[in-house]
Amino acid sequence: MKTLFNKAIDNATKSELLEERLANLIDTITKMIYTMIARGLFEADKMIYSLLIAISIRRKAGIIGMISWNHLLRGPMPFSPAQLDCMPENPMPKEMTMLAY
């Protein structure tokens, strides 16, 4: 692991600004760790691993909020009868069901 970080320090783009240098190091280390782990995964698992890494990076950056993340994980909350009355008719009832309280 120490060798990996030393290699990342050597390979990362140099900068005089500390924040920029740290961002370059984080980017390089992330890519190197991703590559090393992906080598040991089955092809079917690489897509899931890539998704989890991409989502984690975007969540830390604030691009994906907690509400969006919960919606992806759990789906939409059930609709109340009042909300169902205001909605247009479901065009594909066999494929998409409507949940109600």
N, C-alpha and C. Protein backbone atom coordinates (compact mmCIF):
# COMPACT_ATOMS: atom_id res chain seq x y z
N MET A 1 0.82 -1.18 0.00
CA MET A 1 0.00 0.00 0.00
C MET A 1 0.88 1.26 0.00
N LYS A 2 1.97 1.19 0.72
CA LYS A 2 2.89 2.33 0.79
C LYS A 2 3.47 2.61 -0.60
N THR A 3 3.76 1.57 -1.33
CA THR A 3 4.29 1.71 -2.69
C THR A 3 3.26 2.39 -3.59
N LEU A 4 2.01 2.04 -3.42
CA LEU A 4 0.94 2.63 -4.22
C LEU A 4 0.85 4.14 -3.98
N PHE A 5 0.92 4.56 -2.73
CA PHE A 5 0.84 5.98 -2.42
C PHE A 5 2.08 6.73 -2.91
N ASN A 6 3.25 6.11 -2.78
CA ASN A 6 4.47 6.75 -3.29
C ASN A 6 4.40 6.91 -4.81
N LYS A 7 3.87 5.92 -5.48
CA LYS A 7 3.70 5.98 -6.93
C LYS A 7 2.70 7.08 -7.30
N ALA A 8 1.63 7.19 -6.52
CA ALA A 8 0.62 8.23 -6.77
C ALA A 8 1.22 9.62 -6.58
N ILE A 9 2.05 9.79 -5.57
CA ILE A 9 2.70 11.09 -5.34
C ILE A 9 3.60 11.45 -6.52
N ASP A 10 4.31 10.47 -7.05
CA ASP A 10 5.17 10.72 -8.20
C ASP A 10 4.38 11.00 -9.47
N ASN A 11 3.25 10.31 -9.66
CA ASN A 11 2.47 10.42 -10.90
C ASN A 11 1.49 11.59 -10.93
N ALA A 12 1.08 12.08 -9.77
CA ALA A 12 0.09 13.16 -9.72
C ALA A 12 0.68 14.44 -10.29
N THR A 13 -0.19 15.21 -10.94
CA THR A 13 0.23 16.48 -11.52
C THR A 13 0.71 17.41 -10.41
N LYS A 14 1.86 18.00 -10.62
CA LYS A 14 2.45 18.90 -9.62
C LYS A 14 1.75 20.25 -9.66
N SER A 15 1.73 20.92 -8.51
CA SER A 15 1.15 22.25 -8.41
C SER A 15 1.74 22.96 -7.21
N GLU A 16 1.86 24.28 -7.32
CA GLU A 16 2.36 25.08 -6.21
C GLU A 16 1.26 25.34 -5.17
N LEU A 17 0.01 25.31 -5.61
CA LEU A 17 -1.11 25.53 -4.70
C LEU A 17 -1.46 24.24 -3.96
N LEU A 18 -1.55 24.32 -2.65
CA LEU A 18 -1.79 23.14 -1.83
C LEU A 18 -3.12 22.47 -2.16
N GLU A 19 -4.20 23.26 -2.29
CA GLU A 19 -5.52 22.69 -2.58
C GLU A 19 -5.54 21.96 -3.92
N GLU A 20 -4.88 22.56 -4.92
CA GLU A 20 -4.82 21.92 -6.24
C GLU A 20 -3.99 20.65 -6.20
N ARG A 21 -2.87 20.68 -5.48
CA ARG A 21 -2.03 19.49 -5.35
C ARG A 21 -2.78 18.37 -4.65
N LEU A 22 -3.51 18.70 -3.58
CA LEU A 22 -4.29 17.69 -2.87
C LEU A 22 -5.38 17.10 -3.75
N ALA A 23 -6.05 17.95 -4.53
CA ALA A 23 -7.08 17.46 -5.45
C ALA A 23 -6.46 16.52 -6.48
N ASN A 24 -5.29 16.86 -6.98
CA ASN A 24 -4.60 16.00 -7.95
C ASN A 24 -4.21 14.67 -7.32
N LEU A 25 -3.73 14.70 -6.09
CA LEU A 25 -3.35 13.47 -5.40
C LEU A 25 -4.57 12.59 -5.14
N ILE A 26 -5.66 13.19 -4.68
CA ILE A 26 -6.88 12.42 -4.42
C ILE A 26 -7.38 11.78 -5.71
N ASP A 27 -7.36 12.53 -6.79
CA ASP A 27 -7.81 12.00 -8.09
C ASP A 27 -6.93 10.83 -8.53
N THR A 28 -5.63 11.00 -8.43
CA THR A 28 -4.70 9.94 -8.85
C THR A 28 -4.84 8.70 -7.97
N ILE A 29 -4.91 8.89 -6.66
CA ILE A 29 -5.04 7.75 -5.75
C ILE A 29 -6.36 7.02 -5.98
N THR A 30 -7.44 7.77 -6.19
CA THR A 30 -8.74 7.16 -6.46
C THR A 30 -8.68 6.29 -7.70
N LYS A 31 -8.10 6.82 -8.77
CA LYS A 31 -7.99 6.06 -10.02
C LYS A 31 -7.11 4.82 -9.86
N MET A 32 -6.03 4.95 -9.12
CA MET A 32 -5.14 3.81 -8.93
C MET A 32 -5.80 2.72 -8.09
N ILE A 33 -6.48 3.10 -7.02
CA ILE A 33 -7.15 2.11 -6.18
C ILE A 33 -8.27 1.44 -6.96
N TYR A 34 -9.03 2.25 -7.73
CA TYR A 34 -10.10 1.67 -8.55
C TYR A 34 -9.53 0.63 -9.51
N THR A 35 -8.44 0.96 -10.18
CA THR A 35 -7.83 0.04 -11.14
C THR A 35 -7.35 -1.24 -10.46
N MET A 36 -6.71 -1.10 -9.32
CA MET A 36 -6.18 -2.27 -8.62
C MET A 36 -7.32 -3.20 -8.16
N ILE A 37 -8.39 -2.64 -7.63
CA ILE A 37 -9.50 -3.47 -7.16
C ILE A 37 -10.26 -4.07 -8.33
N ALA A 38 -10.48 -3.28 -9.40
CA ALA A 38 -11.25 -3.77 -10.55
C ALA A 38 -10.56 -4.94 -11.23
N ARG A 39 -9.25 -5.01 -11.14
CA ARG A 39 -8.53 -6.14 -11.73
C ARG A 39 -8.93 -7.47 -11.10
N GLY A 40 -9.29 -7.44 -9.84
CA GLY A 40 -9.62 -8.67 -9.13
C GLY A 40 -11.10 -9.04 -9.16
N LEU A 41 -11.91 -8.23 -9.83
CA LEU A 41 -13.35 -8.49 -9.85
C LEU A 41 -13.76 -9.24 -11.12
N PHE A 42 -14.86 -9.96 -11.01
CA PHE A 42 -15.47 -10.55 -12.19
C PHE A 42 -16.07 -9.43 -13.03
N GLU A 43 -16.23 -9.67 -14.32
CA GLU A 43 -16.77 -8.65 -15.22
C GLU A 43 -18.15 -8.18 -14.76
N ALA A 44 -18.97 -9.09 -14.30
CA ALA A 44 -20.32 -8.72 -13.86
C ALA A 44 -20.28 -7.78 -12.65
N ASP A 45 -19.27 -7.89 -11.82
CA ASP A 45 -19.18 -7.07 -10.61
C ASP A 45 -18.52 -5.72 -10.86
N LYS A 46 -17.80 -5.57 -11.95
CA LYS A 46 -17.12 -4.31 -12.23
C LYS A 46 -18.09 -3.16 -12.44
N MET A 47 -19.23 -3.43 -13.05
CA MET A 47 -20.22 -2.38 -13.30
C MET A 47 -20.81 -1.88 -11.98
N ILE A 48 -21.12 -2.79 -11.07
CA ILE A 48 -21.66 -2.40 -9.77
C ILE A 48 -20.62 -1.61 -8.98
N TYR A 49 -19.39 -2.09 -9.01
CA TYR A 49 -18.30 -1.40 -8.31
C TYR A 49 -18.11 0.00 -8.87
N SER A 50 -18.14 0.13 -10.19
CA SER A 50 -18.00 1.45 -10.83
C SER A 50 -19.13 2.38 -10.41
N LEU A 51 -20.35 1.86 -10.37
CA LEU A 51 -21.50 2.66 -9.96
C LEU A 51 -21.33 3.14 -8.52
N LEU A 52 -20.93 2.25 -7.63
CA LEU A 52 -20.77 2.62 -6.22
C LEU A 52 -19.68 3.67 -6.03
N ILE A 53 -18.57 3.54 -6.75
CA ILE A 53 -17.50 4.52 -6.66
C ILE A 53 -17.97 5.87 -7.19
N ALA A 54 -18.62 5.87 -8.36
CA ALA A 54 -19.09 7.12 -8.96
C ALA A 54 -20.11 7.81 -8.05
N ILE A 55 -21.04 7.04 -7.48
CA ILE A 55 -22.04 7.63 -6.59
C ILE A 55 -21.39 8.18 -5.33
N SER A 56 -20.42 7.47 -4.78
CA SER A 56 -19.74 7.94 -3.58
C SER A 56 -19.01 9.26 -3.84
N ILE A 57 -18.35 9.35 -4.97
CA ILE A 57 -17.63 10.58 -5.31
C ILE A 57 -18.62 11.73 -5.47
N ARG A 58 -19.72 11.49 -6.16
CA ARG A 58 -20.71 12.55 -6.39
C ARG A 58 -21.46 12.93 -5.10
N ARG A 59 -21.66 11.97 -4.21
CA ARG A 59 -22.29 12.31 -2.92
C ARG A 59 -21.37 13.17 -2.08
N LYS A 60 -20.08 12.84 -2.04
CA LYS A 60 -19.12 13.64 -1.28
C LYS A 60 -19.00 15.05 -1.84
N ALA A 61 -19.13 15.18 -3.18
CA ALA A 61 -19.03 16.48 -3.83
C ALA A 61 -20.32 17.28 -3.71
N GLY A 62 -21.38 16.67 -3.22
CA GLY A 62 -22.65 17.36 -3.07
C GLY A 62 -23.48 17.40 -4.34
N ILE A 63 -23.08 16.65 -5.36
CA ILE A 63 -23.83 16.60 -6.62
C ILE A 63 -25.09 15.77 -6.44
N ILE A 64 -24.99 14.69 -5.69
CA ILE A 64 -26.15 13.85 -5.38
C ILE A 64 -26.52 14.10 -3.93
N GLY A 65 -27.72 14.60 -3.71
CA GLY A 65 -28.19 14.91 -2.36
C GLY A 65 -28.77 13.68 -1.68
N MET A 66 -29.03 13.83 -0.40
CA MET A 66 -29.55 12.73 0.39
C MET A 66 -30.95 12.31 -0.08
N ILE A 67 -31.77 13.28 -0.48
CA ILE A 67 -33.11 12.96 -0.95
C ILE A 67 -33.05 12.12 -2.22
N SER A 68 -32.19 12.52 -3.15
CA SER A 68 -32.05 11.76 -4.40
C SER A 68 -31.49 10.36 -4.13
N TRP A 69 -30.53 10.26 -3.25
CA TRP A 69 -29.93 8.98 -2.91
C TRP A 69 -30.97 8.05 -2.27
N ASN A 70 -31.76 8.57 -1.33
CA ASN A 70 -32.81 7.77 -0.71
C ASN A 70 -33.87 7.36 -1.72
N HIS A 71 -34.19 8.25 -2.64
CA HIS A 71 -35.17 7.92 -3.68
C HIS A 71 -34.65 6.78 -4.55
N LEU A 72 -33.37 6.81 -4.89
CA LEU A 72 -32.78 5.74 -5.70
C LEU A 72 -32.79 4.42 -4.94
N LEU A 73 -32.46 4.44 -3.66
CA LEU A 73 -32.39 3.22 -2.87
C LEU A 73 -33.76 2.64 -2.53
N ARG A 74 -34.67 3.50 -2.14
CA ARG A 74 -35.95 3.03 -1.60
C ARG A 74 -37.13 3.23 -2.53
N GLY A 75 -36.97 4.02 -3.57
CA GLY A 75 -38.08 4.34 -4.45
C GLY A 75 -38.91 5.46 -3.87
N PRO A 76 -39.92 5.88 -4.60
CA PRO A 76 -40.76 6.98 -4.11
C PRO A 76 -41.62 6.54 -2.94
N MET A 77 -41.98 7.49 -2.12
CA MET A 77 -42.87 7.20 -1.00
C MET A 77 -44.26 6.93 -1.54
N PRO A 78 -45.06 6.14 -0.85
CA PRO A 78 -46.43 5.89 -1.31
C PRO A 78 -47.24 7.19 -1.35
N PHE A 79 -48.17 7.24 -2.28
CA PHE A 79 -49.01 8.41 -2.44
C PHE A 79 -50.25 8.32 -1.56
N SER A 80 -50.69 9.46 -1.08
CA SER A 80 -51.94 9.51 -0.32
C SER A 80 -53.11 9.51 -1.31
N PRO A 81 -54.32 9.19 -0.86
CA PRO A 81 -55.48 9.23 -1.76
C PRO A 81 -55.69 10.60 -2.41
N ALA A 82 -55.41 11.68 -1.67
CA ALA A 82 -55.56 13.02 -2.24
C ALA A 82 -54.55 13.25 -3.36
N GLN A 83 -53.35 12.76 -3.18
CA GLN A 83 -52.34 12.91 -4.24
C GLN A 83 -52.70 12.07 -5.46
N LEU A 84 -53.25 10.88 -5.24
CA LEU A 84 -53.65 10.03 -6.36
C LEU A 84 -54.75 10.66 -7.20
N ASP A 85 -55.68 11.39 -6.55
CA ASP A 85 -56.76 12.05 -7.28
C ASP A 85 -56.26 13.12 -8.22
N CYS A 86 -55.14 13.76 -7.88
CA CYS A 86 -54.60 14.86 -8.69
C CYS A 86 -53.71 14.36 -9.83
N MET A 87 -53.33 13.10 -9.81
CA MET A 87 -52.39 12.57 -10.80
C MET A 87 -53.10 12.17 -12.09
N PRO A 88 -52.40 12.28 -13.23
CA PRO A 88 -52.99 11.80 -14.48
C PRO A 88 -53.07 10.27 -14.46
N GLU A 89 -53.84 9.71 -15.38
CA GLU A 89 -54.01 8.27 -15.45
C GLU A 89 -52.69 7.59 -15.81
N ASN A 90 -52.43 6.45 -15.21
CA ASN A 90 -51.21 5.69 -15.46
C ASN A 90 -51.29 5.08 -16.86
N PRO A 91 -50.35 5.43 -17.77
CA PRO A 91 -50.40 4.90 -19.12
C PRO A 91 -49.97 3.44 -19.23
N MET A 92 -49.24 2.92 -18.24
CA MET A 92 -48.75 1.54 -18.28
C MET A 92 -49.03 0.86 -16.94
N PRO A 93 -50.26 0.56 -16.61
CA PRO A 93 -50.57 0.02 -15.28
C PRO A 93 -49.97 -1.35 -15.02
N LYS A 94 -49.73 -2.15 -16.07
CA LYS A 94 -49.14 -3.48 -15.85
C LYS A 94 -47.66 -3.37 -15.49
N GLU A 95 -46.97 -2.40 -16.08
CA GLU A 95 -45.53 -2.24 -15.85
C GLU A 95 -45.23 -1.40 -14.62
N MET A 96 -46.06 -0.37 -14.36
CA MET A 96 -45.82 0.53 -13.22
C MET A 96 -47.06 0.55 -12.35
N THR A 97 -46.91 0.07 -11.14
CA THR A 97 -48.05 0.09 -10.21
C THR A 97 -48.01 1.37 -9.39
N MET A 98 -49.15 1.78 -8.92
CA MET A 98 -49.26 2.95 -8.08
C MET A 98 -49.49 2.49 -6.65
N LEU A 99 -48.70 3.00 -5.72
CA LEU A 99 -48.85 2.63 -4.31
C LEU A 99 -49.73 3.67 -3.62
N ALA A 100 -50.58 3.23 -2.75
CA ALA A 100 -51.44 4.14 -1.98
C ALA A 100 -51.45 3.70 -0.53
N TYR A 101 -51.73 4.62 0.36
CA TYR A 101 -51.85 4.28 1.78
C TYR A 101 -53.06 3.42 2.00
